Amino acid sequence: MKPTIFLGSSKEAQDQAKIIQSLLFDNGADVVAWWEGSSFPAGTTFVESLFALAKKTNASLLLASE
């Protein structure tokens, strides 16, 4: 079974996060990135979206920058 990973980052680290997303895909993971429209759909609160993501993912990876 392939893992499904939520990938979050600061806006400043989004380019690096896209590289990580590619590496995860190449290694067999499904990646749900914060910048994809399906992650935080219109009409739902941030907290509702996070709970929905927690139910459909196995792990999360958060990338921060200065």
Foldseek 3Di string as FASTA:
>chain_A
DAFEEEEAEDPVCVVVSVVVCVVSVVVRHHYHYPPDCVQDDPPDDPVVSVVVVVVVGDYYDYYYDD
